[in-house]
């Protein structure tokens, strides 16, 4: 199913698309969520379900998304609704694709708020504003900075407070990069930011690895911290005990999805701008491995051992950490406070997080903008204005309802934990069953210098969908009832769900209009071709 050919952007180099896709994946999930998950679920024991999920879920879905994107992009479609319709030949599949537009748009609404935290902490360290008053902890500082005490607290301090200023800057910076387009905006920034990000993380990792045993406490040196990260068996828990906990397996699969940006529609949108004979197998494998290296090696070696040294192994539990993101904003400032030259390394760490967050957040804006351009035939400026209104409203909605971060947590749960599993399942089924596993492999290998092992045909068609189903059902069984109860009892959670519903309905309406436009254009193209004959 082919659309009319229009002048379009393409990545200038293969390295450029690798940088952009890796930048989309490398973000807060790598440098905050992964170390938090590893710390909470047994250190080295967590690596086993993580690696299994990476092989059986991560790579198959990544390859499916790259194939969907490149195949449809060559035929003139770059947005998930157009991609799903093009590759299946079914107009109703465009509505499934519209969810892959909704998900990253919702994520951008709260992700930019968190991005502002990263910038805020980096500037605090840079200007020496991290000193605490007597009796004030870093957890208290975090709660005060993000407004955990009540809804609207940040706005009661005056509109131009530090937290909101950082968020506004992040909004403007993201819109600026997106407005510049695929090549001059996204590819340009990721080509600069990713090397800087890796340099910052390498400096911090080297510093952590040379700490020795600064506290003098036996069993809390750097080698003990590294042992906690890489040793599957811990003194207080055997490998069997860790792996027999279903939460560990769910956390491993969830981390792979979150960190690789699977099911969001970002990868297939980016891949649609590759050329017909670009090596997408190598590009997808390189970006995925780069993402895994950043979290499983760099982040794990620089964050978890430092927390182990200064806070002790007894602190690294779900009860103490509370949230996987807490290790960054509440625990690590305490680590930097006790570390020699902690102010400098604190600045480097949170500046690293800011860069990582920006490379991810610009990717979440692209699918909606592409969809509006392609579906309504409007310019980039107009589509950016529409997306800007939705995202800015969502960001301020999140910044206002900050009590216990209910709005943020609700959107994160439904988008990043529920719908993303569903959409990843849809994409792997399209690749393995609807488009066909043989056609999928042929498309992947077009222009490829390496070949995917034959075993992955069986994995993509059978193992990945089954693994997805088992993990998703088990996860819903454990977490879904509590979330339903939360929504029924909390008006803010209901409002957050209402915002998700609004964006979903908006994209469904746009999809209906886009289908009418595409079908009309295809009829005109068909009539013109017949007339020439």
Protein backbone atom coordinates (compact mmCIF):
# COMPACT_ATOMS: atom_id res chain seq x y z
CA UNK A 1 0.00 0.00 0.00
CA UNK A 2 1.86 3.03 -1.27
CA UNK A 3 1.30 6.71 -0.51
CA UNK A 4 2.17 9.62 -2.74
CA UNK A 5 5.85 10.50 -2.79
CA UNK A 6 6.74 13.76 -1.13
CA UNK A 7 10.03 15.37 -0.28
CA UNK A 8 11.11 13.91 3.03
CA UNK A 9 14.00 13.99 5.44
CA UNK A 10 16.36 11.07 5.86
CA UNK A 11 19.10 10.48 8.39
CA UNK A 12 22.33 11.79 6.87
CA UNK A 13 24.43 8.84 8.09
CA UNK A 14 23.91 5.40 9.59
CA UNK A 15 25.73 6.66 12.68
CA UNK A 16 23.19 9.46 12.90
CA UNK A 17 20.20 7.13 13.14
CA UNK A 18 22.06 4.90 15.62
CA UNK A 19 22.77 7.96 17.78
CA UNK A 20 19.15 9.11 17.60
CA UNK A 21 17.64 5.72 18.43
CA UNK A 22 20.23 5.08 21.14
CA UNK A 23 19.50 8.56 22.49
CA UNK A 24 15.80 7.75 22.60
CA UNK A 25 16.54 4.62 24.62
CA UNK A 26 19.35 5.96 26.81
CA UNK A 27 17.68 8.10 29.42
CA UNK A 28 16.48 8.12 33.01
CA UNK A 29 15.64 4.43 32.69
CA UNK A 30 19.35 3.66 32.35
CA UNK A 31 20.89 5.91 34.96
CA UNK A 32 18.11 5.91 37.57
CA UNK A 33 15.63 3.09 37.05
CA UNK A 34 18.08 0.29 36.23
CA UNK A 35 20.39 0.84 39.24
CA UNK A 36 17.30 1.15 41.44
CA UNK A 37 15.84 -2.09 40.11
CA UNK A 38 19.18 -3.90 40.49
CA UNK A 39 19.57 -2.63 44.05
CA UNK A 40 16.05 -3.67 45.04
CA UNK A 41 16.05 -7.11 43.42
CA UNK A 42 19.25 -8.75 44.54
CA UNK A 43 22.00 -7.10 42.52
CA UNK A 44 23.57 -9.79 40.35
CA UNK A 45 20.44 -11.97 40.56
CA UNK A 46 18.47 -9.27 38.76
CA UNK A 47 20.87 -9.49 35.79
CA UNK A 48 19.64 -13.00 34.88
CA UNK A 49 15.95 -12.21 34.18
CA UNK A 50 17.06 -8.90 32.66
CA UNK A 51 19.36 -10.59 30.13
CA UNK A 52 16.79 -13.29 29.31
CA UNK A 53 14.13 -10.63 28.70
CA UNK A 54 16.62 -8.67 26.56
CA UNK A 55 17.17 -11.70 24.29
CA UNK A 56 13.61 -13.05 24.14
CA UNK A 57 11.68 -9.77 24.21
CA UNK A 58 13.98 -6.83 23.68
CA UNK A 59 15.78 -7.74 20.47
CA UNK A 60 12.75 -9.38 18.75
CA UNK A 61 10.50 -6.35 19.36
CA UNK A 62 13.31 -3.94 18.39
CA UNK A 63 13.81 -5.77 15.09
CA UNK A 64 10.05 -5.83 14.51
CA UNK A 65 9.79 -2.06 15.01
CA UNK A 66 12.75 -1.30 12.73
CA UNK A 67 11.28 -3.52 10.03
CA UNK A 68 7.83 -1.92 10.32
CA UNK A 69 9.31 1.57 10.15
CA UNK A 70 11.72 1.10 7.24
CA UNK A 71 9.24 -0.82 5.08
CA UNK A 72 6.48 1.77 5.55
CA UNK A 73 8.79 4.77 5.33
CA UNK A 74 9.95 3.73 1.87
CA UNK A 75 6.26 3.64 0.88
CA UNK A 76 5.66 7.15 2.19
CA UNK A 77 4.35 6.55 5.74
CA UNK A 78 6.22 7.75 8.83
CA UNK A 79 3.63 7.86 11.62
CA UNK A 80 2.48 4.75 13.53
CA UNK A 81 -1.12 4.85 12.17
CA UNK A 82 0.18 5.03 8.60
CA UNK A 83 2.84 2.40 9.32
CA UNK A 84 0.37 -0.09 10.80
CA UNK A 85 -2.06 0.42 7.89
CA UNK A 86 0.65 0.20 5.25
CA UNK A 87 2.23 -3.01 6.44
CA UNK A 88 -1.00 -4.90 7.19
CA UNK A 89 -3.13 -3.55 4.33
CA UNK A 90 -5.96 -3.03 6.83
CA UNK A 91 -7.33 0.48 7.40
CA UNK A 92 -8.54 -0.40 10.91
CA UNK A 93 -5.00 -1.19 12.05
CA UNK A 94 -4.36 2.55 11.81
CA UNK A 95 -6.42 2.93 14.99
CA UNK A 96 -4.05 0.57 16.81
CA UNK A 97 -1.25 2.74 15.50
CA UNK A 98 -2.89 5.81 17.00
CA UNK A 99 -2.13 4.39 20.46
CA UNK A 100 1.57 4.42 19.50
CA UNK A 101 1.13 8.16 18.99
CA UNK A 102 -0.75 8.68 22.25
CA UNK A 103 1.77 6.83 24.46
CA UNK A 104 4.86 8.97 23.75
CA UNK A 105 2.77 12.16 23.90
CA UNK A 106 1.58 11.28 27.41
CA UNK A 107 5.13 10.31 28.40
CA UNK A 108 6.48 13.66 27.20
CA UNK A 109 3.96 15.45 29.43
CA UNK A 110 5.43 14.06 32.65
CA UNK A 111 8.93 13.20 31.43
CA UNK A 112 9.75 16.86 30.86
CA UNK A 113 8.73 17.58 34.46
CA UNK A 114 11.28 14.99 35.65
CA UNK A 115 13.78 16.40 33.16
CA UNK A 116 13.41 19.71 34.99
CA UNK A 117 14.39 17.99 38.24
CA UNK A 118 17.64 16.84 36.62
CA UNK A 119 18.46 20.36 35.45
CA UNK A 120 17.48 21.80 38.83
CA UNK A 121 19.80 19.42 40.74
CA UNK A 122 22.66 20.01 38.28
CA UNK A 123 22.39 23.78 38.78
CA UNK A 124 22.14 23.36 42.56
CA UNK A 125 25.43 21.46 42.58
CA UNK A 126 27.06 23.86 40.12
CA UNK A 127 26.26 26.94 42.23
CA UNK A 128 26.69 25.27 45.63
CA UNK A 129 23.00 25.28 46.60
CA UNK A 130 22.90 21.72 47.95
CA UNK A 131 23.88 22.59 51.50
CA UNK A 132 21.25 21.40 53.98
CA UNK A 133 19.87 23.14 57.02
CA UNK A 134 20.18 21.39 60.39
CA UNK A 135 17.66 18.55 60.65
CA UNK A 136 16.91 18.69 56.91
CA UNK A 137 17.65 15.56 54.85
CA UNK A 138 18.10 15.11 51.11
CA UNK A 139 14.75 13.34 51.07
CA UNK A 140 13.25 16.49 52.60
CA UNK A 141 14.99 18.59 49.95
CA UNK A 142 13.55 16.44 47.18
CA UNK A 143 10.05 16.57 48.69
CA UNK A 144 10.25 20.34 49.04
CA UNK A 145 11.72 20.88 45.57
CA UNK A 146 9.06 18.87 43.70
CA UNK A 147 6.11 19.79 45.93
CA UNK A 148 5.27 16.44 47.54
CA UNK A 149 3.52 18.12 50.46
CA UNK A 150 0.45 19.20 48.51
CA UNK A 151 -1.13 19.98 45.16
CA UNK A 152 -0.33 23.43 43.82
CA UNK A 153 2.55 24.02 46.25
CA UNK A 154 4.97 24.98 43.49
CA UNK A 155 2.57 27.62 42.15
CA UNK A 156 1.90 29.06 45.60
CA UNK A 157 5.55 30.10 45.80
CA UNK A 158 5.16 32.30 42.76
CA UNK A 159 5.02 31.27 39.15
CA UNK A 160 8.70 31.93 38.53
CA UNK A 161 10.12 29.57 41.12
CA UNK A 162 13.27 27.55 40.41
CA UNK A 163 11.56 24.23 39.70
CA UNK A 164 9.06 25.71 37.23
CA UNK A 165 11.77 27.76 35.54
CA UNK A 166 13.76 24.59 34.89
CA UNK A 167 10.66 22.87 33.51
CA UNK A 168 9.88 25.84 31.23
CA UNK A 169 13.43 25.81 29.92
CA UNK A 170 13.16 22.09 29.20
CA UNK A 171 9.87 22.62 27.34
CA UNK A 172 11.35 25.40 25.22
CA UNK A 173 14.56 23.46 24.54
CA UNK A 174 12.67 20.35 23.43
CA UNK A 175 10.38 22.37 21.13
CA UNK A 176 13.40 24.15 19.63
CA UNK A 177 15.16 20.87 18.78
CA UNK A 178 12.01 19.29 17.36
CA UNK A 179 11.25 22.37 15.27
CA UNK A 180 14.68 22.12 13.65
CA UNK A 181 13.68 18.71 12.29
CA UNK A 182 15.15 15.22 12.02
CA UNK A 183 18.61 16.19 10.75
CA UNK A 184 19.29 19.68 12.14
CA UNK A 185 17.51 19.07 15.44
CA UNK A 186 17.36 15.46 16.64
CA UNK A 187 20.38 14.01 14.81
CA UNK A 188 22.51 17.07 15.54
CA UNK A 189 21.76 17.14 19.27
CA UNK A 190 22.08 13.38 19.79
CA UNK A 191 25.40 13.35 17.93
CA UNK A 192 26.72 15.90 20.44
CA UNK A 193 24.87 14.86 23.59
CA UNK A 194 25.55 11.11 23.53
CA UNK A 195 29.36 11.43 23.47
CA UNK A 196 29.15 14.07 26.24
CA UNK A 197 26.83 11.80 28.22
CA UNK A 198 29.21 8.84 27.89
CA UNK A 199 32.19 11.02 28.84
CA UNK A 200 30.43 12.28 31.99
CA UNK A 201 29.37 8.79 32.99
CA UNK A 202 32.87 7.40 32.37
CA UNK A 203 34.44 10.08 34.60
CA UNK A 204 32.01 9.29 37.43
CA UNK A 205 32.47 5.53 36.99
CA UNK A 206 36.27 5.85 37.21
CA UNK A 207 35.92 7.95 40.35
CA UNK A 208 33.64 5.38 41.98
CA UNK A 209 35.94 2.50 41.04
CA UNK A 210 38.89 4.27 42.68
CA UNK A 211 37.09 4.98 45.98
CA UNK A 212 38.58 1.98 47.79
CA UNK A 213 37.02 1.81 51.25
CA UNK A 214 36.50 5.45 52.31
CA UNK A 215 34.21 4.62 55.26
CA UNK A 216 36.60 2.08 56.78
CA UNK A 217 33.69 -0.27 57.45
CA UNK A 218 34.64 -3.88 56.80
CA UNK A 219 32.69 -5.40 53.94
CA UNK A 220 31.73 -2.01 52.43
CA UNK A 221 34.60 -1.38 50.03
CA UNK A 222 34.44 -0.96 46.26
CA UNK A 223 35.08 -4.66 45.64
CA UNK A 224 32.17 -5.54 47.93
CA UNK A 225 29.94 -3.10 46.05
CA UNK A 226 30.93 -4.57 42.69
CA UNK A 227 30.33 -8.04 44.11
CA UNK A 228 26.80 -7.01 45.00
CA UNK A 229 26.20 -5.88 41.40
CA UNK A 230 27.66 -8.89 39.63
CA UNK A 231 27.41 -11.82 42.07
CA UNK A 232 24.06 -13.66 41.58
CA UNK A 233 24.19 -15.04 45.14
CA UNK A 234 24.23 -12.66 48.09
CA UNK A 235 25.15 -13.43 51.72
CA UNK A 236 21.56 -12.93 52.89
CA UNK A 237 19.82 -14.51 49.88
CA UNK A 238 20.64 -17.39 47.54
CA UNK A 239 20.24 -17.25 43.77
CA UNK A 240 17.26 -19.60 43.96
CA UNK A 241 15.51 -17.39 46.50
CA UNK A 242 16.00 -14.32 44.31
CA UNK A 243 14.84 -16.02 41.09
CA UNK A 244 11.86 -17.67 42.75
CA UNK A 245 10.42 -14.20 43.37
CA UNK A 246 8.11 -13.41 40.40
CA UNK A 247 8.65 -9.69 41.04
CA UNK A 248 12.27 -10.10 39.94
CA UNK A 249 11.21 -11.49 36.55
CA UNK A 250 8.55 -8.84 36.10
CA UNK A 251 11.04 -6.13 37.00
CA UNK A 252 13.58 -7.51 34.50
CA UNK A 253 11.08 -7.55 31.63
CA UNK A 254 9.69 -4.13 32.57
CA UNK A 255 13.19 -2.64 32.65
CA UNK A 256 13.97 -3.92 29.14
CA UNK A 257 10.77 -2.37 27.78
CA UNK A 258 11.27 0.92 29.57
CA UNK A 259 14.94 1.38 28.71
CA UNK A 260 14.71 0.29 25.05
CA UNK A 261 11.58 2.44 24.45
CA UNK A 262 9.69 -0.59 23.14
CA UNK A 263 6.05 -0.32 22.13
CA UNK A 264 6.00 3.48 22.21
CA UNK A 265 6.08 3.99 18.43
CA UNK A 266 9.30 5.99 18.67
CA UNK A 267 11.58 3.39 17.08
CA UNK A 268 9.32 2.64 14.11
CA UNK A 269 8.92 6.40 13.50
CA UNK A 270 12.69 6.95 13.55
CA UNK A 271 13.28 3.84 11.41
CA UNK A 272 10.84 5.13 8.78
CA UNK A 273 13.39 7.81 7.87
CA UNK A 274 16.03 5.24 6.89
CA UNK A 275 16.73 4.51 3.24
CA UNK A 276 15.65 1.36 1.40
CA UNK A 277 19.01 -0.42 1.60
CA UNK A 278 20.27 0.91 4.94
CA UNK A 279 21.55 -1.81 7.28
CA UNK A 280 18.79 -1.77 9.90
CA UNK A 281 19.89 -5.05 11.53
CA UNK A 282 23.27 -3.62 12.44
CA UNK A 283 21.79 -0.23 13.39
CA UNK A 284 19.16 -1.75 15.67
CA UNK A 285 21.61 -4.17 17.26
CA UNK A 286 24.19 -1.42 17.83
CA UNK A 287 21.72 0.99 19.43
CA UNK A 288 20.26 -1.79 21.63
CA UNK A 289 23.67 -3.00 22.80
CA UNK A 290 24.76 0.60 23.46
CA UNK A 291 21.67 1.06 25.61
CA UNK A 292 22.34 -2.18 27.50
CA UNK A 293 25.99 -1.28 28.01
CA UNK A 294 25.06 2.11 29.46
CA UNK A 295 22.75 0.63 32.07
CA UNK A 296 24.11 -2.86 32.79
CA UNK A 297 27.76 -1.81 32.88
CA UNK A 298 28.27 1.94 33.30
CA UNK A 299 25.22 2.84 35.43
CA UNK A 300 25.36 -0.35 37.49
CA UNK A 301 29.07 0.09 38.22
CA UNK A 302 28.95 3.77 39.11
CA UNK A 303 25.74 4.07 41.13
CA UNK A 304 25.01 0.82 43.00
CA UNK A 305 28.57 0.32 44.37
CA UNK A 306 28.71 3.93 45.58
CA UNK A 307 25.39 3.53 47.39
CA UNK A 308 26.62 0.20 48.80
CA UNK A 309 29.82 1.83 50.14
CA UNK A 310 28.33 4.90 51.80
CA UNK A 311 24.86 3.66 52.80
CA UNK A 312 25.49 -0.04 53.38
CA UNK A 313 23.81 -3.14 51.94
CA UNK A 314 21.02 -3.03 54.54
CA UNK A 315 19.74 0.19 52.95
CA UNK A 316 19.38 -1.31 49.47
CA UNK A 317 15.90 -2.78 49.88
CA UNK A 318 12.52 -1.94 48.32
CA UNK A 319 11.31 -0.72 51.73
CA UNK A 320 14.11 1.84 52.11
CA UNK A 321 14.43 2.92 48.50
CA UNK A 322 10.66 3.12 48.01
CA UNK A 323 10.94 3.80 44.30
CA UNK A 324 13.55 2.91 41.71
CA UNK A 325 13.89 6.63 40.91
CA UNK A 326 14.52 7.49 44.58
CA UNK A 327 18.09 6.24 44.34
CA UNK A 328 18.85 9.21 42.13
CA UNK A 329 17.16 12.18 43.75
CA UNK A 330 17.08 11.11 47.39
CA UNK A 331 19.87 8.59 47.93
CA UNK A 332 22.69 9.69 45.62
CA UNK A 333 22.95 13.27 46.97
CA UNK A 334 23.82 11.66 50.31
CA UNK A 335 26.47 9.59 48.52
CA UNK A 336 27.95 12.69 46.81
CA UNK A 337 27.89 14.52 50.15
CA UNK A 338 30.20 11.88 51.63
CA UNK A 339 32.35 11.46 48.51
CA UNK A 340 35.56 13.49 48.01
CA UNK A 341 34.90 16.24 45.42
CA UNK A 342 31.23 15.32 45.74
CA UNK A 343 29.95 18.69 44.51
CA UNK A 344 31.73 18.34 41.17
CA UNK A 345 30.64 14.74 40.70
CA UNK A 346 27.11 15.61 41.77
CA UNK A 347 26.98 18.26 39.05
CA UNK A 348 28.39 15.85 36.45
CA UNK A 349 25.89 13.14 37.39
CA UNK A 350 22.78 15.31 37.20
CA UNK A 351 24.02 17.10 34.09
CA UNK A 352 24.46 13.61 32.61
CA UNK A 353 20.86 12.82 33.58
CA UNK A 354 19.68 16.05 31.97
CA UNK A 355 21.39 15.21 28.67
CA UNK A 356 20.02 11.65 28.79
CA UNK A 357 16.53 12.94 29.53
CA UNK A 358 16.58 15.41 26.63
CA UNK A 359 17.68 12.79 24.08
CA UNK A 360 14.72 10.68 25.22
CA UNK A 361 12.11 13.42 25.54
CA UNK A 362 12.63 14.79 22.02
CA UNK A 363 11.96 11.30 20.71
CA UNK A 364 8.61 11.19 22.51
CA UNK A 365 7.46 14.36 20.72
CA UNK A 366 8.37 13.20 17.21
CA UNK A 367 5.62 10.57 16.56
CA UNK A 368 2.75 13.01 17.26
CA UNK A 369 4.33 15.75 15.16
CA UNK A 370 4.97 13.34 12.29
CA UNK A 371 1.39 12.07 12.52
CA UNK A 372 -0.12 15.56 12.34
CA UNK A 373 2.11 16.51 9.40
CA UNK A 374 1.34 13.30 7.54
CA UNK A 375 -2.29 12.83 8.50
CA UNK A 376 -3.54 16.41 8.15
CA UNK A 377 -1.00 17.64 5.57
CA UNK A 378 0.05 20.58 7.74
CA UNK A 379 3.49 22.11 8.22
CA UNK A 380 5.95 21.44 11.00
CA UNK A 381 5.26 24.79 12.66
CA UNK A 382 1.51 24.10 12.90
CA UNK A 383 1.96 20.54 14.11
CA UNK A 384 4.49 21.68 16.71
CA UNK A 385 2.04 24.29 17.99
CA UNK A 386 -0.67 21.65 18.48
CA UNK A 387 1.69 19.21 20.18
CA UNK A 388 3.14 22.06 22.23
CA UNK A 389 -0.29 22.96 23.63
CA UNK A 390 -1.01 19.34 24.62
CA UNK A 391 2.44 18.70 26.12
CA UNK A 392 2.63 22.02 27.95
CA UNK A 393 -0.81 21.44 29.47
CA UNK A 394 0.26 17.95 30.54
CA UNK A 395 3.51 19.23 32.03
CA UNK A 396 1.74 21.90 34.09
CA UNK A 397 -0.94 19.39 35.08
CA UNK A 398 1.81 17.13 36.43
CA UNK A 399 3.59 20.06 38.08
CA UNK A 400 0.39 21.16 39.83
CA UNK A 401 -0.82 17.78 41.16
CA UNK A 402 2.40 16.88 42.95
CA UNK A 403 1.06 15.48 46.23
CA UNK A 404 2.82 12.11 46.49
CA UNK A 405 3.31 12.45 42.70
CA UNK A 406 -0.12 10.90 42.13
CA UNK A 407 -0.66 12.39 38.67
CA UNK A 408 2.80 11.39 37.47
CA UNK A 409 2.58 7.86 38.90
CA UNK A 410 -0.88 7.28 37.39
CA UNK A 411 0.19 8.32 33.90
CA UNK A 412 3.41 6.32 34.22
CA UNK A 413 1.51 3.19 35.31
CA UNK A 414 -1.06 3.16 32.49
CA UNK A 415 1.27 4.26 29.70
CA UNK A 416 4.61 2.65 30.59
CA UNK A 417 3.31 -0.51 32.27
CA UNK A 418 -0.04 -1.39 30.69
CA UNK A 419 -0.47 0.03 27.19
CA UNK A 420 3.16 -0.41 26.20
CA UNK A 421 2.93 -4.19 26.71
CA UNK A 422 -0.20 -4.29 24.57
CA UNK A 423 1.33 -2.30 21.72
CA UNK A 424 4.57 -4.28 21.80
CA UNK A 425 2.45 -7.42 21.52
CA UNK A 426 0.59 -5.97 18.53
CA UNK A 427 3.84 -5.14 16.75
CA UNK A 428 5.45 -8.55 17.31
CA UNK A 429 2.26 -10.26 16.06
CA UNK A 430 2.22 -8.04 12.96
CA UNK A 431 5.83 -8.96 12.22
CA UNK A 432 5.56 -12.66 12.99
CA UNK A 433 2.04 -13.49 11.84
CA UNK A 434 0.35 -10.80 9.71
CA UNK A 435 3.27 -9.60 7.60
CA UNK A 436 4.79 -13.05 8.02
CA UNK A 437 8.04 -14.22 9.56
CA UNK A 438 9.66 -14.96 6.18
CA UNK A 439 8.74 -11.54 4.77
CA UNK A 440 9.92 -9.91 8.02
CA UNK A 441 13.33 -11.59 7.83
CA UNK A 442 13.68 -10.76 4.13
CA UNK A 443 12.94 -7.11 4.85
CA UNK A 444 15.35 -7.01 7.80
CA UNK A 445 18.16 -8.57 5.76
CA UNK A 446 17.76 -6.14 2.84
CA UNK A 447 21.05 -4.23 2.74
CA UNK A 448 22.28 -5.95 5.91
CA UNK A 449 25.91 -6.96 6.38
CA UNK A 450 25.02 -9.44 9.12
CA UNK A 451 22.25 -12.02 9.36
CA UNK A 452 19.96 -12.65 12.31
CA UNK A 453 20.38 -16.23 13.60
CA UNK A 454 17.74 -18.58 12.21
CA UNK A 455 16.57 -19.40 15.75
CA UNK A 456 15.06 -15.92 16.05
CA UNK A 457 12.41 -16.82 13.46
CA UNK A 458 10.97 -19.23 16.02
CA UNK A 459 11.51 -16.76 18.88
CA UNK A 460 9.78 -13.85 17.11
CA UNK A 461 6.81 -15.93 15.99
CA UNK A 462 6.19 -18.03 19.09
CA UNK A 463 8.40 -17.35 22.13
CA UNK A 464 8.20 -13.55 22.27
CA UNK A 465 4.36 -13.32 22.09
CA UNK A 466 4.03 -16.10 24.69
CA UNK A 467 6.63 -14.52 26.99
CA UNK A 468 4.88 -11.16 26.64
CA UNK A 469 1.52 -12.68 27.51
CA UNK A 470 2.82 -14.51 30.59
CA UNK A 471 4.69 -11.49 31.95
CA UNK A 472 1.79 -9.12 31.26
CA UNK A 473 -0.85 -11.35 32.90
CA UNK A 474 1.35 -12.01 35.92
CA UNK A 475 2.11 -8.33 36.25
CA UNK A 476 -1.56 -7.33 36.02
CA UNK A 477 -2.45 -9.96 38.63
CA UNK A 478 -0.02 -8.41 41.10
CA UNK A 479 -0.41 -4.71 40.40
CA UNK A 480 -3.72 -4.02 38.65
CA UNK A 481 -6.17 -4.33 41.59
CA UNK A 482 -4.27 -1.75 43.66
CA UNK A 483 -4.28 0.71 40.74
CA UNK A 484 -8.02 0.31 40.16
CA UNK A 485 -8.65 0.97 43.85
CA UNK A 486 -6.40 4.02 43.68
CA UNK A 487 -8.34 5.44 40.75
CA UNK A 488 -11.69 4.88 42.42
CA UNK A 489 -10.58 6.64 45.59
CA UNK A 490 -8.37 9.44 44.25
CA UNK A 491 -9.80 12.32 42.15
CA UNK A 492 -6.32 13.29 40.91
CA UNK A 493 -5.78 9.79 39.53
CA UNK A 494 -9.15 10.12 37.78
CA UNK A 495 -8.08 13.43 36.25
CA UNK A 496 -4.83 11.88 35.05
CA UNK A 497 -6.76 9.06 33.44
CA UNK A 498 -9.05 11.68 31.88
CA UNK A 499 -6.03 13.42 30.33
CA UNK A 500 -4.91 10.09 28.83
CA UNK A 501 -8.44 9.53 27.48
CA UNK A 502 -8.50 13.03 25.93
CA UNK A 503 -5.22 12.52 24.05
CA UNK A 504 -6.38 9.05 22.95
CA UNK A 505 -9.70 10.37 21.57
CA UNK A 506 -7.89 13.28 19.90
CA UNK A 507 -5.60 10.89 18.02
CA UNK A 508 -8.48 8.59 17.07
CA UNK A 509 -10.30 11.57 15.52
CA UNK A 510 -7.14 12.62 13.65
CA UNK A 511 -6.70 9.01 12.48
CA UNK A 512 -10.20 9.03 10.98
CA UNK A 513 -9.43 12.24 9.08
CA UNK A 514 -6.03 10.92 8.02
CA UNK A 515 -7.57 7.72 6.62
CA UNK A 516 -9.98 9.73 4.47
CA UNK A 517 -7.12 11.85 3.15
CA UNK A 518 -4.82 8.90 2.43
CA UNK A 519 -7.52 6.90 0.66
CA UNK A 520 -8.53 9.89 -1.45
CA UNK A 521 -4.92 10.52 -2.42
CA UNK A 522 -4.42 6.86 -3.31
CA UNK A 523 -7.50 6.91 -5.55
CA UNK A 524 -6.17 10.01 -7.31
CA UNK A 525 -2.78 8.36 -7.79
CA UNK A 526 -4.46 5.21 -9.12
CA UNK A 527 -6.60 7.18 -11.60
CA UNK A 528 -3.57 9.18 -12.73
CA UNK A 529 -1.63 5.97 -13.34
CA UNK A 530 -4.50 4.46 -15.35
CA UNK A 531 -4.76 7.66 -17.39
CA UNK A 532 -1.07 7.49 -18.29
CA UNK A 533 -1.53 3.90 -19.46
